[in-house]
Amino acid sequence: MKQFNNKTIHNKGQLIVEAVVAISFIVIAVVSFFGLLAQSVGYNRFVSENYTATYLAAEGIEVIKNIIDSNILNARPWNLNIGSGDYEIEYNTTSVATPNYSDRVLRINSDGIYTQDLSGQETPFKRKISIRYNSSRIPLGDEIIVNSIVTWTSRGQNQQVNLEDHFFNWRE
């Protein structure tokens, strides 16, 4: 009987050690899960910002395309009101003759539209439209190169999306 009591006492100590080990594994699993969850939320935000920036850059190129299309439809020179330089543009811009880039952030107005206006909710995005004529193309002025560059800071690092398109005077 005495031996049985010693074994019982020994088992009680073993149970405490097993409980501590089991609790440690559970704590490690829970902490790892929440760490993974936090990292996943951070990546989700980055992907969402990159998605938005890509569409903002595409919108910048589309505005220039709309100006060219409007010129052609109205029997004007295809590149009228399109000058070389860096610009801040709106979705409804009709002329980019005078460079006006000032490195301002885009804002979302009350209609949910991204704008350069000083009213509305500030976003982390800045958009610069760079326009240049390809000087090596003959005849000169028959190709416009447009870069739409959207920059922002995410998770402490500078990010950038740069879309480029080439427009040609294909009618002549």
N, C-alpha and C. Protein backbone atom coordinates (compact mmCIF):
# COMPACT_ATOMS: atom_id res chain seq x y z
N MET A 1 0.81 -1.18 0.00
CA MET A 1 0.00 0.00 0.00
C MET A 1 0.86 1.25 0.00
N LYS A 2 1.92 1.18 0.68
CA LYS A 2 2.81 2.33 0.74
C LYS A 2 3.34 2.67 -0.65
N GLN A 3 3.66 1.67 -1.42
CA GLN A 3 4.15 1.88 -2.76
C GLN A 3 3.07 2.53 -3.64
N PHE A 4 1.84 2.13 -3.45
CA PHE A 4 0.73 2.69 -4.20
C PHE A 4 0.59 4.19 -3.92
N ASN A 5 0.76 4.60 -2.65
CA ASN A 5 0.66 6.02 -2.30
C ASN A 5 1.78 6.84 -2.93
N ASN A 6 2.99 6.30 -2.99
CA ASN A 6 4.10 7.01 -3.63
C ASN A 6 3.83 7.21 -5.13
N LYS A 7 3.27 6.18 -5.75
CA LYS A 7 2.95 6.28 -7.17
C LYS A 7 1.87 7.33 -7.40
N THR A 8 0.90 7.40 -6.51
CA THR A 8 -0.17 8.38 -6.63
C THR A 8 0.38 9.80 -6.49
N ILE A 9 1.28 9.99 -5.54
CA ILE A 9 1.90 11.30 -5.36
C ILE A 9 2.70 11.67 -6.60
N HIS A 10 3.43 10.72 -7.15
CA HIS A 10 4.22 10.97 -8.36
C HIS A 10 3.31 11.33 -9.53
N ASN A 11 2.18 10.67 -9.68
CA ASN A 11 1.24 10.96 -10.76
C ASN A 11 0.65 12.36 -10.64
N LYS A 12 0.43 12.83 -9.41
CA LYS A 12 -0.11 14.17 -9.23
C LYS A 12 0.87 15.22 -9.77
N GLY A 13 2.13 15.04 -9.55
CA GLY A 13 3.14 15.96 -10.07
C GLY A 13 3.22 15.90 -11.59
N GLN A 14 3.07 14.71 -12.11
CA GLN A 14 3.10 14.53 -13.56
C GLN A 14 1.90 15.22 -14.21
N LEU A 15 0.76 15.17 -13.57
CA LEU A 15 -0.44 15.81 -14.09
C LEU A 15 -0.26 17.32 -14.19
N ILE A 16 0.40 17.91 -13.21
CA ILE A 16 0.65 19.36 -13.24
C ILE A 16 1.57 19.71 -14.40
N VAL A 17 2.62 18.93 -14.61
CA VAL A 17 3.55 19.17 -15.71
C VAL A 17 2.82 19.03 -17.05
N GLU A 18 1.99 18.01 -17.20
CA GLU A 18 1.23 17.82 -18.44
C GLU A 18 0.26 18.97 -18.68
N ALA A 19 -0.36 19.45 -17.62
CA ALA A 19 -1.30 20.57 -17.75
C ALA A 19 -0.57 21.84 -18.19
N VAL A 20 0.60 22.10 -17.63
CA VAL A 20 1.39 23.28 -18.01
C VAL A 20 1.81 23.18 -19.48
N VAL A 21 2.25 22.00 -19.91
CA VAL A 21 2.66 21.81 -21.30
C VAL A 21 1.45 22.00 -22.23
N ALA A 22 0.31 21.42 -21.87
CA ALA A 22 -0.89 21.55 -22.70
C ALA A 22 -1.34 23.01 -22.79
N ILE A 23 -1.34 23.71 -21.68
CA ILE A 23 -1.73 25.13 -21.67
C ILE A 23 -0.74 25.94 -22.51
N SER A 24 0.54 25.61 -22.44
CA SER A 24 1.55 26.31 -23.24
C SER A 24 1.28 26.13 -24.73
N PHE A 25 0.96 24.89 -25.13
CA PHE A 25 0.63 24.65 -26.54
C PHE A 25 -0.60 25.44 -26.97
N ILE A 26 -1.60 25.49 -26.13
CA ILE A 26 -2.82 26.23 -26.46
C ILE A 26 -2.53 27.72 -26.59
N VAL A 27 -1.75 28.26 -25.66
CA VAL A 27 -1.39 29.68 -25.71
C VAL A 27 -0.59 29.98 -26.97
N ILE A 28 0.37 29.13 -27.30
CA ILE A 28 1.17 29.33 -28.51
C ILE A 28 0.28 29.29 -29.76
N ALA A 29 -0.65 28.35 -29.80
CA ALA A 29 -1.55 28.23 -30.94
C ALA A 29 -2.44 29.47 -31.07
N VAL A 30 -2.98 29.97 -29.97
CA VAL A 30 -3.86 31.14 -30.01
C VAL A 30 -3.07 32.39 -30.42
N VAL A 31 -1.88 32.57 -29.85
CA VAL A 31 -1.05 33.73 -30.20
C VAL A 31 -0.65 33.66 -31.67
N SER A 32 -0.28 32.48 -32.16
CA SER A 32 0.08 32.32 -33.57
C SER A 32 -1.10 32.63 -34.48
N PHE A 33 -2.29 32.16 -34.08
CA PHE A 33 -3.49 32.42 -34.88
C PHE A 33 -3.75 33.92 -34.99
N PHE A 34 -3.68 34.64 -33.87
CA PHE A 34 -3.94 36.07 -33.92
C PHE A 34 -2.83 36.83 -34.66
N GLY A 35 -1.60 36.37 -34.56
CA GLY A 35 -0.52 36.98 -35.33
C GLY A 35 -0.73 36.80 -36.82
N LEU A 36 -1.12 35.60 -37.21
CA LEU A 36 -1.41 35.32 -38.62
C LEU A 36 -2.61 36.14 -39.10
N LEU A 37 -3.62 36.26 -38.25
CA LEU A 37 -4.80 37.06 -38.59
C LEU A 37 -4.43 38.53 -38.80
N ALA A 38 -3.60 39.08 -37.92
CA ALA A 38 -3.19 40.48 -38.05
C ALA A 38 -2.38 40.68 -39.33
N GLN A 39 -1.49 39.75 -39.63
CA GLN A 39 -0.69 39.85 -40.85
C GLN A 39 -1.58 39.74 -42.09
N SER A 40 -2.56 38.87 -42.04
CA SER A 40 -3.49 38.71 -43.16
C SER A 40 -4.30 39.98 -43.40
N VAL A 41 -4.74 40.63 -42.34
CA VAL A 41 -5.48 41.89 -42.48
C VAL A 41 -4.59 42.96 -43.11
N GLY A 42 -3.32 43.00 -42.71
CA GLY A 42 -2.37 43.95 -43.29
C GLY A 42 -2.17 43.71 -44.78
N TYR A 43 -2.02 42.45 -45.18
CA TYR A 43 -1.87 42.13 -46.61
C TYR A 43 -3.14 42.46 -47.38
N ASN A 44 -4.28 42.21 -46.77
CA ASN A 44 -5.56 42.53 -47.42
C ASN A 44 -5.66 44.03 -47.70
N ARG A 45 -5.23 44.83 -46.75
CA ARG A 45 -5.26 46.28 -46.93
C ARG A 45 -4.32 46.70 -48.07
N PHE A 46 -3.13 46.11 -48.10
CA PHE A 46 -2.17 46.43 -49.15
C PHE A 46 -2.74 46.08 -50.53
N VAL A 47 -3.33 44.91 -50.66
CA VAL A 47 -3.91 44.50 -51.94
C VAL A 47 -5.04 45.44 -52.34
N SER A 48 -5.86 45.83 -51.38
CA SER A 48 -6.96 46.76 -51.66
C SER A 48 -6.43 48.11 -52.13
N GLU A 49 -5.40 48.62 -51.47
CA GLU A 49 -4.80 49.90 -51.87
C GLU A 49 -4.18 49.79 -53.27
N ASN A 50 -3.52 48.69 -53.55
CA ASN A 50 -2.90 48.49 -54.86
C ASN A 50 -3.97 48.43 -55.96
N TYR A 51 -5.07 47.78 -55.66
CA TYR A 51 -6.20 47.69 -56.59
C TYR A 51 -6.75 49.08 -56.88
N THR A 52 -6.97 49.88 -55.85
CA THR A 52 -7.49 51.24 -56.02
C THR A 52 -6.50 52.09 -56.82
N ALA A 53 -5.21 51.99 -56.48
CA ALA A 53 -4.19 52.78 -57.18
C ALA A 53 -4.13 52.43 -58.67
N THR A 54 -4.29 51.16 -58.99
CA THR A 54 -4.27 50.74 -60.39
C THR A 54 -5.43 51.36 -61.16
N TYR A 55 -6.59 51.37 -60.55
CA TYR A 55 -7.75 51.97 -61.23
C TYR A 55 -7.63 53.49 -61.33
N LEU A 56 -7.04 54.13 -60.33
CA LEU A 56 -6.81 55.58 -60.41
C LEU A 56 -5.83 55.90 -61.54
N ALA A 57 -4.80 55.07 -61.68
CA ALA A 57 -3.84 55.28 -62.77
C ALA A 57 -4.50 55.07 -64.12
N ALA A 58 -5.33 54.03 -64.23
CA ALA A 58 -6.03 53.77 -65.49
C ALA A 58 -6.98 54.92 -65.83
N GLU A 59 -7.61 55.49 -64.82
CA GLU A 59 -8.50 56.63 -65.05
C GLU A 59 -7.72 57.81 -65.63
N GLY A 60 -6.50 58.03 -65.15
CA GLY A 60 -5.68 59.11 -65.67
C GLY A 60 -5.38 58.95 -67.15
N ILE A 61 -5.07 57.74 -67.57
CA ILE A 61 -4.81 57.48 -69.00
C ILE A 61 -6.11 57.66 -69.80
N GLU A 62 -7.20 57.19 -69.24
CA GLU A 62 -8.48 57.27 -69.94
C GLU A 62 -8.91 58.72 -70.18
N VAL A 63 -8.59 59.61 -69.24
CA VAL A 63 -8.94 61.03 -69.43
C VAL A 63 -8.21 61.59 -70.65
N ILE A 64 -6.93 61.27 -70.80
CA ILE A 64 -6.17 61.74 -71.97
C ILE A 64 -6.76 61.14 -73.25
N LYS A 65 -7.11 59.87 -73.21
CA LYS A 65 -7.73 59.23 -74.37
C LYS A 65 -9.04 59.93 -74.73
N ASN A 66 -9.82 60.32 -73.73
CA ASN A 66 -11.08 61.02 -73.99
C ASN A 66 -10.86 62.38 -74.64
N ILE A 67 -9.79 63.08 -74.23
CA ILE A 67 -9.48 64.37 -74.85
C ILE A 67 -9.13 64.16 -76.33
N ILE A 68 -8.32 63.15 -76.62
CA ILE A 68 -7.96 62.85 -78.01
C ILE A 68 -9.21 62.48 -78.82
N ASP A 69 -10.06 61.62 -78.26
CA ASP A 69 -11.29 61.22 -78.95
C ASP A 69 -12.19 62.41 -79.22
N SER A 70 -12.31 63.30 -78.24
CA SER A 70 -13.14 64.50 -78.41
C SER A 70 -12.59 65.38 -79.52
N ASN A 71 -11.27 65.53 -79.56
CA ASN A 71 -10.65 66.32 -80.63
C ASN A 71 -10.97 65.74 -82.00
N ILE A 72 -10.85 64.44 -82.14
CA ILE A 72 -11.10 63.79 -83.44
C ILE A 72 -12.57 63.91 -83.82
N LEU A 73 -13.47 63.67 -82.87
CA LEU A 73 -14.90 63.75 -83.16
C LEU A 73 -15.35 65.15 -83.56
N ASN A 74 -14.66 66.15 -83.06
CA ASN A 74 -15.02 67.54 -83.37
C ASN A 74 -14.15 68.13 -84.47
N ALA A 75 -13.49 67.28 -85.25
CA ALA A 75 -12.68 67.69 -86.41
C ALA A 75 -11.60 68.70 -86.05
N ARG A 76 -11.01 68.51 -84.87
CA ARG A 76 -9.88 69.36 -84.45
C ARG A 76 -8.60 68.54 -84.57
N PRO A 77 -7.44 69.20 -84.51
CA PRO A 77 -6.19 68.43 -84.49
C PRO A 77 -6.22 67.42 -83.33
N TRP A 78 -5.77 66.22 -83.57
CA TRP A 78 -5.89 65.14 -82.59
C TRP A 78 -5.23 65.45 -81.26
N ASN A 79 -4.17 66.26 -81.27
CA ASN A 79 -3.43 66.55 -80.05
C ASN A 79 -3.66 67.98 -79.53
N LEU A 80 -4.77 68.60 -79.94
CA LEU A 80 -5.10 69.94 -79.47
C LEU A 80 -5.31 69.92 -77.95
N ASN A 81 -4.75 70.90 -77.25
CA ASN A 81 -4.86 71.04 -75.79
C ASN A 81 -4.18 69.90 -75.03
N ILE A 82 -3.17 69.30 -75.65
CA ILE A 82 -2.38 68.27 -74.96
C ILE A 82 -0.93 68.70 -75.05
N GLY A 83 -0.41 69.23 -73.95
CA GLY A 83 0.97 69.69 -73.92
C GLY A 83 1.86 68.77 -73.10
N SER A 84 3.15 68.82 -73.36
CA SER A 84 4.10 68.04 -72.57
C SER A 84 4.19 68.61 -71.17
N GLY A 85 4.37 67.73 -70.19
CA GLY A 85 4.54 68.16 -68.81
C GLY A 85 3.86 67.22 -67.84
N ASP A 86 3.83 67.65 -66.58
CA ASP A 86 3.22 66.87 -65.50
C ASP A 86 1.94 67.55 -65.06
N TYR A 87 0.89 66.74 -64.86
CA TYR A 87 -0.43 67.28 -64.59
C TYR A 87 -1.11 66.57 -63.43
N GLU A 88 -2.02 67.32 -62.77
CA GLU A 88 -3.03 66.76 -61.89
C GLU A 88 -4.34 66.89 -62.67
N ILE A 89 -5.05 65.80 -62.84
CA ILE A 89 -6.26 65.87 -63.65
C ILE A 89 -7.46 65.32 -62.89
N GLU A 90 -8.62 65.72 -63.33
CA GLU A 90 -9.89 65.23 -62.81
C GLU A 90 -10.49 64.28 -63.84
N TYR A 91 -11.50 63.55 -63.43
CA TYR A 91 -12.15 62.63 -64.36
C TYR A 91 -12.80 63.36 -65.53
N ASN A 92 -13.11 64.65 -65.36
CA ASN A 92 -13.80 65.40 -66.41
C ASN A 92 -12.92 66.49 -67.04
N THR A 93 -11.61 66.36 -66.92
CA THR A 93 -10.67 67.32 -67.51
C THR A 93 -10.80 67.30 -69.03
N THR A 94 -10.81 68.49 -69.63
CA THR A 94 -10.95 68.59 -71.09
C THR A 94 -9.73 69.19 -71.77
N SER A 95 -8.75 69.65 -70.98
CA SER A 95 -7.56 70.25 -71.57
C SER A 95 -6.37 70.03 -70.64
N VAL A 96 -5.26 69.66 -71.22
CA VAL A 96 -4.01 69.54 -70.46
C VAL A 96 -2.93 70.31 -71.20
N ALA A 97 -3.20 71.58 -71.39
CA ALA A 97 -2.29 72.43 -72.16
C ALA A 97 -1.20 73.05 -71.29
N THR A 98 -1.51 73.31 -70.01
CA THR A 98 -0.56 73.97 -69.11
C THR A 98 -0.26 73.04 -67.93
N PRO A 99 1.00 72.61 -67.76
CA PRO A 99 1.34 71.73 -66.64
C PRO A 99 0.94 72.36 -65.30
N ASN A 100 0.37 71.54 -64.41
CA ASN A 100 -0.12 72.06 -63.13
C ASN A 100 0.15 71.13 -61.96
N TYR A 101 1.11 70.23 -62.05
CA TYR A 101 1.31 69.25 -60.98
C TYR A 101 1.88 69.92 -59.74
N SER A 102 1.24 69.65 -58.59
CA SER A 102 1.70 70.25 -57.33
C SER A 102 1.78 69.23 -56.20
N ASP A 103 1.76 67.94 -56.49
CA ASP A 103 1.98 66.88 -55.51
C ASP A 103 0.92 66.86 -54.40
N ARG A 104 -0.33 67.12 -54.74
CA ARG A 104 -1.41 67.07 -53.75
C ARG A 104 -2.02 65.67 -53.69
N VAL A 105 -2.57 65.33 -52.53
CA VAL A 105 -3.25 64.05 -52.39
C VAL A 105 -4.63 64.12 -53.02
N LEU A 106 -5.10 62.98 -53.46
CA LEU A 106 -6.47 62.89 -53.96
C LEU A 106 -7.42 62.84 -52.78
N ARG A 107 -8.61 63.35 -52.98
CA ARG A 107 -9.66 63.32 -51.96
C ARG A 107 -10.90 62.68 -52.56
N ILE A 108 -11.74 62.14 -51.69
CA ILE A 108 -13.02 61.59 -52.13
C ILE A 108 -14.09 62.60 -51.78
N ASN A 109 -14.82 63.09 -52.81
CA ASN A 109 -15.85 64.09 -52.54
C ASN A 109 -17.14 63.42 -52.07
N SER A 110 -18.16 64.22 -51.85
CA SER A 110 -19.43 63.70 -51.31
C SER A 110 -20.13 62.74 -52.27
N ASP A 111 -19.76 62.78 -53.55
CA ASP A 111 -20.34 61.86 -54.53
C ASP A 111 -19.54 60.56 -54.66
N GLY A 112 -18.45 60.44 -53.88
CA GLY A 112 -17.62 59.24 -53.93
C GLY A 112 -16.62 59.25 -55.07
N ILE A 113 -16.34 60.43 -55.61
CA ILE A 113 -15.43 60.57 -56.74
C ILE A 113 -14.08 61.09 -56.25
N TYR A 114 -13.00 60.48 -56.75
CA TYR A 114 -11.65 60.95 -56.40
C TYR A 114 -11.40 62.26 -57.14
N THR A 115 -10.90 63.25 -56.40
CA THR A 115 -10.73 64.58 -56.97
C THR A 115 -9.52 65.28 -56.35
N GLN A 116 -9.06 66.34 -56.98
CA GLN A 116 -7.97 67.16 -56.45
C GLN A 116 -8.50 68.32 -55.62
N ASP A 117 -9.82 68.48 -55.56
CA ASP A 117 -10.41 69.57 -54.78
C ASP A 117 -9.97 69.47 -53.33
N LEU A 118 -9.99 70.61 -52.65
CA LEU A 118 -9.58 70.63 -51.25
C LEU A 118 -10.70 70.19 -50.31
N SER A 119 -11.88 69.96 -50.83
CA SER A 119 -12.97 69.47 -50.00
C SER A 119 -13.05 67.96 -50.13
N GLY A 120 -13.58 67.32 -49.13
CA GLY A 120 -13.73 65.87 -49.17
C GLY A 120 -12.73 65.18 -48.27
N GLN A 121 -12.88 63.88 -48.19
CA GLN A 121 -12.05 63.05 -47.32
C GLN A 121 -10.70 62.77 -47.98
N GLU A 122 -9.64 63.03 -47.25
CA GLU A 122 -8.29 62.84 -47.78
C GLU A 122 -7.99 61.35 -47.93
N THR A 123 -7.28 61.00 -49.01
CA THR A 123 -6.84 59.63 -49.23
C THR A 123 -5.31 59.61 -49.20
N PRO A 124 -4.69 58.44 -49.17
CA PRO A 124 -3.23 58.40 -49.19
C PRO A 124 -2.64 58.53 -50.60
N PHE A 125 -3.47 58.61 -51.62
CA PHE A 125 -3.02 58.54 -53.00
C PHE A 125 -2.70 59.91 -53.60
N LYS A 126 -1.64 59.92 -54.42
CA LYS A 126 -1.29 61.08 -55.25
C LYS A 126 -1.19 60.57 -56.68
N ARG A 127 -1.72 61.35 -57.63
CA ARG A 127 -1.68 60.93 -59.03
C ARG A 127 -1.02 62.02 -59.87
N LYS A 128 -0.03 61.60 -60.65
CA LYS A 128 0.66 62.51 -61.58
C LYS A 128 0.55 61.93 -62.98
N ILE A 129 0.09 62.76 -63.90
CA ILE A 129 0.02 62.37 -65.31
C ILE A 129 1.17 63.07 -66.03
N SER A 130 2.10 62.29 -66.56
CA SER A 130 3.24 62.83 -67.31
C SER A 130 3.00 62.59 -68.79
N ILE A 131 3.05 63.68 -69.55
CA ILE A 131 2.82 63.60 -70.99
C ILE A 131 4.07 64.09 -71.71
N ARG A 132 4.50 63.33 -72.70
CA ARG A 132 5.62 63.77 -73.52
C ARG A 132 5.41 63.28 -74.94
N TYR A 133 5.93 64.04 -75.86
CA TYR A 133 5.89 63.65 -77.27
C TYR A 133 7.15 62.88 -77.58
N ASN A 134 7.01 61.80 -78.31
CA ASN A 134 8.16 60.98 -78.70
C ASN A 134 8.94 61.73 -79.78
N SER A 135 10.13 62.21 -79.41
CA SER A 135 10.94 63.03 -80.33
C SER A 135 11.63 62.19 -81.40
N SER A 136 11.65 60.88 -81.25
CA SER A 136 12.31 60.06 -82.26
C SER A 136 11.32 59.57 -83.33
N ARG A 137 10.07 59.87 -83.15
CA ARG A 137 9.04 59.44 -84.11
C ARG A 137 8.94 60.44 -85.25
N ILE A 138 8.94 59.94 -86.46
CA ILE A 138 8.81 60.79 -87.65
C ILE A 138 7.45 60.51 -88.27
N PRO A 139 6.63 61.49 -88.58
CA PRO A 139 6.84 62.91 -88.34
C PRO A 139 6.71 63.25 -86.85
N LEU A 140 7.43 64.27 -86.47
CA LEU A 140 7.48 64.70 -85.08
C LEU A 140 6.08 65.08 -84.59
N GLY A 141 5.73 64.63 -83.39
CA GLY A 141 4.43 64.97 -82.81
C GLY A 141 3.34 63.96 -83.11
N ASP A 142 3.69 62.85 -83.75
CA ASP A 142 2.68 61.85 -84.09
C ASP A 142 2.54 60.75 -83.03
N GLU A 143 3.26 60.87 -81.93
CA GLU A 143 3.11 59.91 -80.83
C GLU A 143 3.18 60.65 -79.50
N ILE A 144 2.19 60.40 -78.67
CA ILE A 144 2.17 60.95 -77.31
C ILE A 144 2.35 59.79 -76.35
N ILE A 145 3.29 59.95 -75.42
CA ILE A 145 3.51 58.93 -74.39
C ILE A 145 2.95 59.48 -73.08
N VAL A 146 2.04 58.73 -72.49
CA VAL A 146 1.37 59.15 -71.25
C VAL A 146 1.71 58.16 -70.15
N ASN A 147 2.25 58.68 -69.04
CA ASN A 147 2.48 57.88 -67.84
C ASN A 147 1.53 58.38 -66.76
N SER A 148 0.77 57.48 -66.20
CA SER A 148 -0.11 57.81 -65.08
C SER A 148 0.48 57.14 -63.85
N ILE A 149 0.98 57.95 -62.93
CA ILE A 149 1.72 57.44 -61.77
C ILE A 149 0.94 57.75 -60.50
N VAL A 150 0.59 56.71 -59.76
CA VAL A 150 -0.10 56.87 -58.49
C VAL A 150 0.84 56.39 -57.39
N THR A 151 1.06 57.25 -56.40
CA THR A 151 1.94 56.91 -55.28
C THR A 151 1.16 57.00 -53.98
N TRP A 152 1.60 56.22 -53.00
CA TRP A 152 1.02 56.25 -51.66
C TRP A 152 1.97 55.54 -50.70
N THR A 153 1.72 55.71 -49.41
CA THR A 153 2.51 55.05 -48.38
C THR A 153 1.65 54.01 -47.70
N SER A 154 2.16 52.78 -47.63
CA SER A 154 1.43 51.69 -47.00
C SER A 154 2.39 50.91 -46.11
N ARG A 155 2.00 50.72 -44.87
CA ARG A 155 2.80 49.97 -43.90
C ARG A 155 4.21 50.53 -43.80
N GLY A 156 4.32 51.86 -43.88
CA GLY A 156 5.60 52.54 -43.72
C GLY A 156 6.49 52.53 -44.95
N GLN A 157 6.00 52.00 -46.07
CA GLN A 157 6.82 51.96 -47.28
C GLN A 157 6.11 52.70 -48.41
N ASN A 158 6.90 53.39 -49.23
CA ASN A 158 6.35 54.09 -50.38
C ASN A 158 6.01 53.08 -51.47
N GLN A 159 4.82 53.21 -52.02
CA GLN A 159 4.33 52.32 -53.07
C GLN A 159 4.06 53.14 -54.32
N GLN A 160 4.05 52.48 -55.47
CA GLN A 160 3.82 53.20 -56.72
C GLN A 160 3.22 52.26 -57.77
N VAL A 161 2.27 52.78 -58.52
CA VAL A 161 1.75 52.11 -59.71
C VAL A 161 2.00 53.07 -60.86
N ASN A 162 2.62 52.57 -61.93
CA ASN A 162 2.93 53.40 -63.10
C ASN A 162 2.40 52.70 -64.35
N LEU A 163 1.36 53.28 -64.94
CA LEU A 163 0.82 52.77 -66.19
C LEU A 163 1.26 53.68 -67.33
N GLU A 164 1.62 53.09 -68.44
CA GLU A 164 2.06 53.87 -69.60
C GLU A 164 1.23 53.47 -70.81
N ASP A 165 0.88 54.47 -71.60
CA ASP A 165 0.17 54.21 -72.85
C ASP A 165 0.73 55.13 -73.93
N HIS A 166 0.65 54.68 -75.17
CA HIS A 166 1.13 55.45 -76.31
C HIS A 166 -0.06 55.73 -77.22
N PHE A 167 -0.20 56.99 -77.60
CA PHE A 167 -1.27 57.40 -78.51
C PHE A 167 -0.63 57.90 -79.80
N PHE A 168 -1.21 57.49 -80.92
CA PHE A 168 -0.64 57.81 -82.22
C PHE A 168 -1.63 58.60 -83.06
N ASN A 169 -1.09 59.42 -83.94
CA ASN A 169 -1.90 60.12 -84.93
C ASN A 169 -2.11 59.17 -86.10
N TRP A 170 -2.96 58.21 -85.92
CA TRP A 170 -3.14 57.15 -86.90
C TRP A 170 -4.01 57.56 -88.08
N ARG A 171 -4.64 58.72 -88.00
CA ARG A 171 -5.53 59.14 -89.08
C ARG A 171 -4.75 59.77 -90.23
N GLU A 172 -3.53 60.15 -90.02
CA GLU A 172 -2.76 60.80 -91.09
C GLU A 172 -1.62 59.92 -91.52
